[in-house]
Amino acid sequence: METFAANLDAGGLAREADKSIPLITEIQRFCLQDGPGIRTTIFMKGCPLHCPWCHNPETQSRKREIYFYADKCTGCGRCAQVCTTGASRIVKNAGGQICAVDRSKCLGCMKCVEVCLSEARGAVGREHSMEEIVKEAVADLPFFKQSGGGVTLSGGDPLLFPEFSLRLASRLKREGIHVGMETSCFAPWKVILPLLGAIDLFLVDIKSMDAEKHQSVVGFPLEPILKNIRALIMSEANVRLHLPIVPGFNNSSDDFQAYVEFLRPFSGRLTGVDILPYHVYGERKYEFLGRKETYRYKGIKEIPPRELVPFAKALAECGIIQVSIGGMVGMGTQRGLKPGERR
């Protein structure tokens, strides 16, 4: 019997079967923008897309990484003493000395994180057992029930770990928890299909309706994603679309019109659409990860929500039941809240 991940070859992406538990960057509680109600969001580490504006760059790589907070470093040298590869080293600076990171030599052993007394280093990606994750989620069950919330599997992209995501979603549903999944829907349909019975709400990103731009900027073909979105909707899954709007990439009137025309035929079947204006919240993460030079949106201003009101009105006028700017869905207003319920 084929495993899910053995089939991950869309857009030239070929991966071996992966039964491992993904690294988790964060289990974030009391989230209000990752689906309806109060939610606990589980961020898995690993994503096949390469969005240059990504505000969670720590979830891009599957591998464990290190945050380095230079302003907290005292230059004590403890990290350099335990590092066996020379990745942690002492360098001179205006204030005397500081312990820097040569990430090309780092093996991710996290010994430097363990001995740092000033909390200048942090581990990005930790192993969590299924039981640990479920236990943390169940602790917030009263808040979920009161607000119409639940747990959202996010990342990165949970579809990189479909077997794990299926097992986790099934466990959460047995606890009476509504389960959402944030995904780009990049994987072949036969990978997604087994998840239909376990995921109560699919929160799917569409980065652009321009195939050439999607491929060149995001690094992944658009058509497999749109094909999967159509299949999800026609399968009567609960689907809510996220449209991240990024300056200079997809914020023109032509871009907005393309979204409206694509969504119009499915308007009555969608649970809703969230327009997500570009923001700079993740900018400093690139610095902490040693990737400051790779962030191409430094200095780009955020999009004021008022500029997206005409776009939101156009989506509403084509029949979409619920449209938000910013992803704040509200408490108990989302259709399909109960685990397993379908429209």
Protein backbone atom coordinates (compact mmCIF):
# COMPACT_ATOMS: atom_id res chain seq x y z
CA MET A 1 0.00 0.00 0.00
CA GLU A 2 1.43 3.38 -1.00
CA THR A 3 2.05 5.97 1.68
CA PHE A 4 0.75 9.49 1.19
CA ALA A 5 4.11 11.20 1.04
CA ALA A 6 5.41 8.72 -1.54
CA ASN A 7 3.08 10.45 -4.00
CA LEU A 8 4.32 14.00 -3.45
CA ASP A 9 5.63 14.78 -6.92
CA ALA A 10 3.49 17.69 -8.14
CA GLY A 11 5.39 20.33 -10.06
CA GLY A 12 8.57 18.27 -10.20
CA LEU A 13 8.62 17.78 -6.42
CA ALA A 14 9.58 14.18 -5.67
CA ARG A 15 9.87 13.03 -2.09
CA GLU A 16 10.42 9.73 -0.41
CA ALA A 17 7.79 8.26 1.90
CA ASP A 18 7.91 10.19 5.15
CA LYS A 19 6.45 8.60 8.24
CA SER A 20 8.38 10.79 10.66
CA ILE A 21 6.88 13.23 13.10
CA PRO A 22 7.60 16.77 11.84
CA LEU A 23 9.46 19.29 13.91
CA ILE A 24 7.09 21.80 15.51
CA THR A 25 8.14 25.45 15.65
CA GLU A 26 5.31 26.53 17.93
CA ILE A 27 2.02 25.50 19.47
CA GLN A 28 0.31 28.86 19.67
CA ARG A 29 -2.79 29.22 21.82
CA PHE A 30 -5.64 31.76 21.68
CA CYS A 31 -5.24 32.45 17.96
CA LEU A 32 -7.99 34.48 16.28
CA GLN A 33 -6.87 34.53 12.64
CA ASP A 34 -6.33 30.86 11.80
CA GLY A 35 -9.98 29.92 11.41
CA PRO A 36 -13.20 30.53 13.33
CA GLY A 37 -13.32 31.18 17.05
CA ILE A 38 -10.47 30.81 19.54
CA ARG A 39 -7.94 28.33 18.19
CA THR A 40 -4.71 26.57 19.02
CA THR A 41 -2.43 26.56 15.98
CA ILE A 42 0.25 23.92 15.48
CA PHE A 43 3.06 25.11 13.22
CA MET A 44 4.87 22.28 11.44
CA LYS A 45 8.33 22.88 9.99
CA GLY A 46 8.67 22.48 6.23
CA CYS A 47 7.16 24.08 3.11
CA PRO A 48 7.60 23.38 -0.64
CA LEU A 49 6.78 26.97 -1.63
CA HIS A 50 9.25 29.85 -1.41
CA CYS A 51 7.20 33.00 -0.93
CA PRO A 52 9.71 35.88 -0.58
CA TRP A 53 7.33 37.77 1.76
CA CYS A 54 6.79 34.79 4.09
CA HIS A 55 6.15 35.98 7.65
CA ASN A 56 6.99 32.57 9.13
CA PRO A 57 10.41 31.89 7.55
CA GLU A 58 11.29 29.59 10.43
CA THR A 59 8.79 27.08 9.03
CA GLN A 60 10.31 26.90 5.53
CA SER A 61 13.04 24.33 6.16
CA ARG A 62 12.35 20.89 7.62
CA LYS A 63 15.60 21.04 9.56
CA ARG A 64 16.15 22.36 13.06
CA GLU A 65 17.60 25.88 13.10
CA ILE A 66 18.88 28.45 15.58
CA TYR A 67 17.58 31.90 16.37
CA PHE A 68 20.43 34.22 17.33
CA TYR A 69 19.49 37.42 19.20
CA ALA A 70 22.69 39.49 18.94
CA ASP A 71 21.44 42.19 21.32
CA LYS A 72 21.20 39.64 24.14
CA CYS A 73 24.65 38.09 23.64
CA THR A 74 27.18 38.85 26.39
CA GLY A 75 30.12 37.29 24.55
CA CYS A 76 30.76 34.83 27.37
CA GLY A 77 31.99 32.15 24.96
CA ARG A 78 30.13 29.22 26.51
CA CYS A 79 28.58 28.34 23.14
CA ALA A 80 31.98 28.26 21.43
CA GLN A 81 33.33 25.95 24.12
CA VAL A 82 30.70 23.26 23.48
CA CYS A 83 30.55 23.59 19.67
CA THR A 84 32.46 20.79 17.93
CA THR A 85 32.27 22.17 14.39
CA GLY A 86 33.32 25.80 14.81
CA ALA A 87 29.80 27.03 14.02
CA SER A 88 29.80 29.02 17.26
CA ARG A 89 32.74 31.37 17.47
CA ILE A 90 33.85 34.55 19.21
CA VAL A 91 34.23 37.65 17.04
CA LYS A 92 35.23 41.22 17.84
CA ASN A 93 32.72 44.05 17.66
CA ALA A 94 32.48 47.67 18.77
CA GLY A 95 31.55 46.65 22.30
CA GLY A 96 34.33 44.12 22.72
CA GLN A 97 33.30 40.66 21.56
CA ILE A 98 30.22 38.64 20.66
CA CYS A 99 29.51 34.97 19.97
CA ALA A 100 28.46 34.64 16.34
CA VAL A 101 27.02 31.74 14.31
CA ASP A 102 28.49 30.23 11.15
CA ARG A 103 25.34 28.50 9.96
CA SER A 104 27.13 26.64 7.17
CA LYS A 105 28.89 24.58 9.85
CA CYS A 106 25.94 24.15 12.21
CA LEU A 107 24.69 20.58 12.70
CA GLY A 108 21.65 21.58 14.72
CA CYS A 109 22.76 19.78 17.88
CA MET A 110 21.47 22.71 20.01
CA LYS A 111 24.30 22.39 22.54
CA CYS A 112 24.94 26.13 22.24
CA VAL A 113 21.29 26.84 23.01
CA GLU A 114 21.43 24.66 26.11
CA VAL A 115 24.46 26.45 27.61
CA CYS A 116 23.51 30.04 26.71
CA LEU A 117 22.78 31.90 29.95
CA SER A 118 21.53 35.11 28.35
CA GLU A 119 18.90 33.48 26.10
CA ALA A 120 20.70 34.88 23.04
CA ARG A 121 20.02 31.61 21.21
CA GLY A 122 16.82 29.72 20.68
CA ALA A 123 15.99 26.38 19.09
CA VAL A 124 13.74 26.61 16.03
CA GLY A 125 11.90 23.32 15.68
CA ARG A 126 11.32 20.83 18.46
CA GLU A 127 10.12 17.26 18.57
CA HIS A 128 6.71 16.75 20.15
CA SER A 129 4.97 13.44 20.60
CA MET A 130 1.39 13.02 19.46
CA GLU A 131 0.34 12.76 23.10
CA GLU A 132 2.01 16.06 24.02
CA ILE A 133 0.26 17.91 21.21
CA VAL A 134 -3.16 16.42 21.97
CA LYS A 135 -2.78 17.12 25.69
CA GLU A 136 -2.02 20.78 25.03
CA ALA A 137 -4.95 21.12 22.65
CA VAL A 138 -7.47 19.42 24.94
CA ALA A 139 -6.58 21.87 27.71
CA ASP A 140 -8.37 24.60 25.73
CA LEU A 141 -11.47 22.57 24.89
CA PRO A 142 -13.81 24.84 26.94
CA PHE A 143 -12.64 27.87 24.95
CA PHE A 144 -13.15 26.02 21.67
CA LYS A 145 -16.70 25.05 22.56
CA GLN A 146 -17.66 28.51 23.79
CA SER A 147 -16.22 30.37 20.79
CA GLY A 148 -16.80 27.89 17.98
CA GLY A 149 -13.03 27.39 17.67
CA GLY A 150 -10.68 24.45 17.59
CA VAL A 151 -7.23 23.43 16.42
CA THR A 152 -5.57 24.47 13.17
CA LEU A 153 -2.72 22.49 11.62
CA SER A 154 -0.40 24.96 9.96
CA GLY A 155 3.20 25.50 9.00
CA GLY A 156 4.99 25.42 6.70
CA ASP A 157 2.50 23.09 5.13
CA PRO A 158 0.94 20.09 6.92
CA LEU A 159 0.60 18.30 3.57
CA LEU A 160 4.34 17.62 3.70
CA PHE A 161 3.43 15.29 6.56
CA PRO A 162 0.05 13.85 5.48
CA GLU A 163 0.23 10.66 7.54
CA PHE A 164 1.09 12.54 10.71
CA SER A 165 -1.56 15.18 9.96
CA LEU A 166 -4.20 12.49 9.45
CA ARG A 167 -3.35 10.72 12.71
CA LEU A 168 -3.28 13.98 14.65
CA ALA A 169 -6.55 15.27 13.17
CA SER A 170 -8.25 11.95 13.89
CA ARG A 171 -7.11 12.03 17.52
CA LEU A 172 -8.33 15.60 17.97
CA LYS A 173 -11.71 14.81 16.45
CA ARG A 174 -12.16 11.94 18.92
CA GLU A 175 -11.78 14.59 21.63
CA GLY A 176 -14.62 16.57 20.05
CA ILE A 177 -12.30 19.24 18.63
CA HIS A 178 -12.94 21.05 15.34
CA VAL A 179 -9.84 20.66 13.12
CA GLY A 180 -8.72 23.08 10.43
CA MET A 181 -5.76 22.80 8.10
CA GLU A 182 -3.88 25.72 6.55
CA THR A 183 -2.30 24.60 3.30
CA SER A 184 -1.36 25.66 -0.20
CA CYS A 185 -2.91 22.43 -1.55
CA PHE A 186 0.28 21.67 -3.46
CA ALA A 187 0.16 17.86 -3.15
CA PRO A 188 -1.48 15.44 -5.62
CA TRP A 189 -5.19 14.85 -5.01
CA LYS A 190 -4.60 11.23 -3.95
CA VAL A 191 -2.54 12.61 -1.05
CA ILE A 192 -5.31 14.99 0.02
CA LEU A 193 -8.24 12.60 -0.46
CA PRO A 194 -7.72 10.53 2.74
CA LEU A 195 -7.77 13.73 4.80
CA LEU A 196 -11.30 14.69 3.79
CA GLY A 197 -12.86 12.69 6.60
CA ALA A 198 -10.54 14.11 9.25
CA ILE A 199 -10.30 17.82 8.41
CA ASP A 200 -13.36 19.93 9.20
CA LEU A 201 -12.15 23.08 7.45
CA PHE A 202 -9.51 23.56 4.75
CA LEU A 203 -7.94 27.04 4.83
CA VAL A 204 -6.29 27.28 1.43
CA ASP A 205 -3.96 30.00 0.17
CA ILE A 206 -4.04 31.27 -3.40
CA LYS A 207 -0.94 33.42 -3.87
CA SER A 208 -1.73 34.60 -7.41
CA MET A 209 -3.95 33.83 -10.40
CA ASP A 210 -1.04 34.46 -12.79
CA ALA A 211 0.58 31.09 -13.56
CA GLU A 212 3.87 32.53 -14.80
CA LYS A 213 4.24 34.85 -11.83
CA HIS A 214 3.29 32.08 -9.41
CA GLN A 215 5.97 29.77 -10.82
CA SER A 216 8.75 32.36 -11.01
CA VAL A 217 8.13 34.09 -7.66
CA VAL A 218 6.61 31.40 -5.44
CA GLY A 219 8.55 28.56 -7.06
CA PHE A 220 5.65 26.19 -7.65
CA PRO A 221 3.15 25.69 -10.51
CA LEU A 222 -0.29 27.22 -10.05
CA GLU A 223 -2.51 24.78 -11.96
CA PRO A 224 -2.12 21.75 -9.60
CA ILE A 225 -3.14 24.02 -6.72
CA LEU A 226 -6.23 25.36 -8.53
CA LYS A 227 -7.15 21.83 -9.61
CA ASN A 228 -7.05 20.66 -5.98
CA ILE A 229 -9.12 23.63 -4.83
CA ARG A 230 -11.79 22.79 -7.40
CA ALA A 231 -11.73 19.14 -6.29
CA LEU A 232 -12.03 20.11 -2.61
CA ILE A 233 -15.01 22.34 -3.30
CA MET A 234 -16.75 19.76 -5.47
CA SER A 235 -16.18 17.09 -2.83
CA GLU A 236 -18.29 19.25 -0.47
CA ALA A 237 -15.41 19.82 1.93
CA ASN A 238 -15.63 23.01 3.96
CA VAL A 239 -13.21 25.37 2.21
CA ARG A 240 -12.22 28.88 3.23
CA LEU A 241 -9.75 30.68 0.99
CA HIS A 242 -6.92 32.94 2.11
CA LEU A 243 -5.77 35.57 -0.36
CA PRO A 244 -2.49 37.16 0.79
CA ILE A 245 -2.19 40.53 -0.97
CA VAL A 246 1.41 41.63 -1.48
CA PRO A 247 2.60 45.00 -2.84
CA GLY A 248 3.96 44.76 -6.37
CA PHE A 249 3.01 41.10 -6.68
CA ASN A 250 -0.76 40.68 -6.70
CA ASN A 251 -2.34 43.97 -5.62
CA SER A 252 -3.38 45.38 -9.00
CA SER A 253 -6.96 45.74 -10.22
CA ASP A 254 -6.25 43.00 -12.79
CA ASP A 255 -5.14 40.67 -9.99
CA PHE A 256 -8.30 41.38 -8.01
CA GLN A 257 -10.51 40.82 -11.04
CA ALA A 258 -8.80 37.49 -11.77
CA TYR A 259 -9.56 36.32 -8.22
CA VAL A 260 -13.20 37.35 -8.55
CA GLU A 261 -13.64 35.57 -11.89
CA PHE A 262 -12.06 32.35 -10.60
CA LEU A 263 -14.14 32.30 -7.41
CA ARG A 264 -17.47 33.38 -8.87
CA PRO A 265 -18.58 29.85 -9.96
CA PHE A 266 -17.83 28.48 -6.48
CA SER A 267 -19.17 31.38 -4.42
CA GLY A 268 -22.12 29.50 -2.96
CA ARG A 269 -19.96 26.54 -1.98
CA LEU A 270 -17.22 28.41 -0.14
CA THR A 271 -17.31 28.90 3.61
CA GLY A 272 -15.68 32.29 3.15
CA VAL A 273 -12.71 34.27 1.89
CA ASP A 274 -10.12 36.13 3.95
CA ILE A 275 -8.14 38.91 2.30
CA LEU A 276 -4.79 39.09 4.11
CA PRO A 277 -2.91 42.38 3.60
CA TYR A 278 0.89 42.17 3.56
CA HIS A 279 2.47 43.05 6.89
CA VAL A 280 6.01 43.30 8.27
CA TYR A 281 5.55 41.26 11.46
CA GLY A 282 7.99 38.56 10.33
CA GLU A 283 10.78 40.83 9.09
CA ARG A 284 13.08 40.49 12.12
CA LYS A 285 12.82 36.70 12.02
CA TYR A 286 15.01 36.72 8.91
CA GLU A 287 17.69 38.52 10.91
CA PHE A 288 17.41 36.08 13.82
CA LEU A 289 17.73 33.15 11.38
CA GLY A 290 20.79 34.63 9.67
CA ARG A 291 18.87 35.30 6.45
CA LYS A 292 18.56 39.07 6.60
CA GLU A 293 19.96 39.50 3.09
CA THR A 294 17.34 37.16 1.60
CA TYR A 295 14.34 39.24 2.71
CA ARG A 296 13.35 41.21 -0.38
CA TYR A 297 10.53 43.23 1.19
CA LYS A 298 12.53 45.33 3.60
CA GLY A 299 11.19 48.87 3.56
CA ILE A 300 8.01 47.91 1.70
CA LYS A 301 5.03 49.53 3.38
CA GLU A 302 2.08 47.54 4.64
CA ILE A 303 -1.17 47.69 2.70
CA PRO A 304 -3.82 49.71 4.59
CA PRO A 305 -6.98 47.56 4.94
CA ARG A 306 -9.13 50.41 3.58
CA GLU A 307 -7.45 50.00 0.18
CA LEU A 308 -8.84 46.47 -0.03
CA VAL A 309 -12.45 47.34 0.74
CA PRO A 310 -13.46 47.56 -2.96
CA PHE A 311 -11.94 44.11 -3.54
CA ALA A 312 -13.83 42.71 -0.55
CA LYS A 313 -17.08 44.22 -1.85
CA ALA A 314 -16.50 42.66 -5.29
CA LEU A 315 -16.06 39.23 -3.70
CA ALA A 316 -19.20 39.68 -1.61
CA GLU A 317 -21.19 40.83 -4.64
CA CYS A 318 -20.36 37.64 -6.51
CA GLY A 319 -22.11 35.66 -3.77
CA ILE A 320 -19.43 34.68 -1.25
CA ILE A 321 -21.15 34.41 2.12
CA GLN A 322 -18.39 35.74 4.35
CA VAL A 323 -15.48 38.00 3.39
CA SER A 324 -12.99 39.41 5.86
CA ILE A 325 -10.00 41.73 5.59
CA GLY A 326 -7.36 40.43 7.96
CA GLY A 327 -8.79 36.99 8.70
CA MET A 328 -10.71 37.82 11.88
CA VAL A 329 -13.63 35.46 11.36
CA GLY A 330 -15.46 35.96 14.64
CA MET A 331 -16.91 33.75 17.33
CA GLY A 332 -19.39 31.06 16.38
CA THR A 333 -20.17 32.62 13.01
CA GLN A 334 -18.42 30.05 10.84
CA ARG A 335 -20.43 27.43 9.01
CA GLY A 336 -19.30 23.85 9.45
CA LEU A 337 -18.02 24.25 12.99
CA LYS A 338 -18.87 20.86 14.36
CA PRO A 339 -16.35 18.08 13.76
CA GLY A 340 -17.35 16.03 10.74
CA GLU A 341 -20.32 18.26 9.84
CA ARG A 342 -20.75 19.06 6.16
CA ARG A 343 -23.00 21.50 4.44
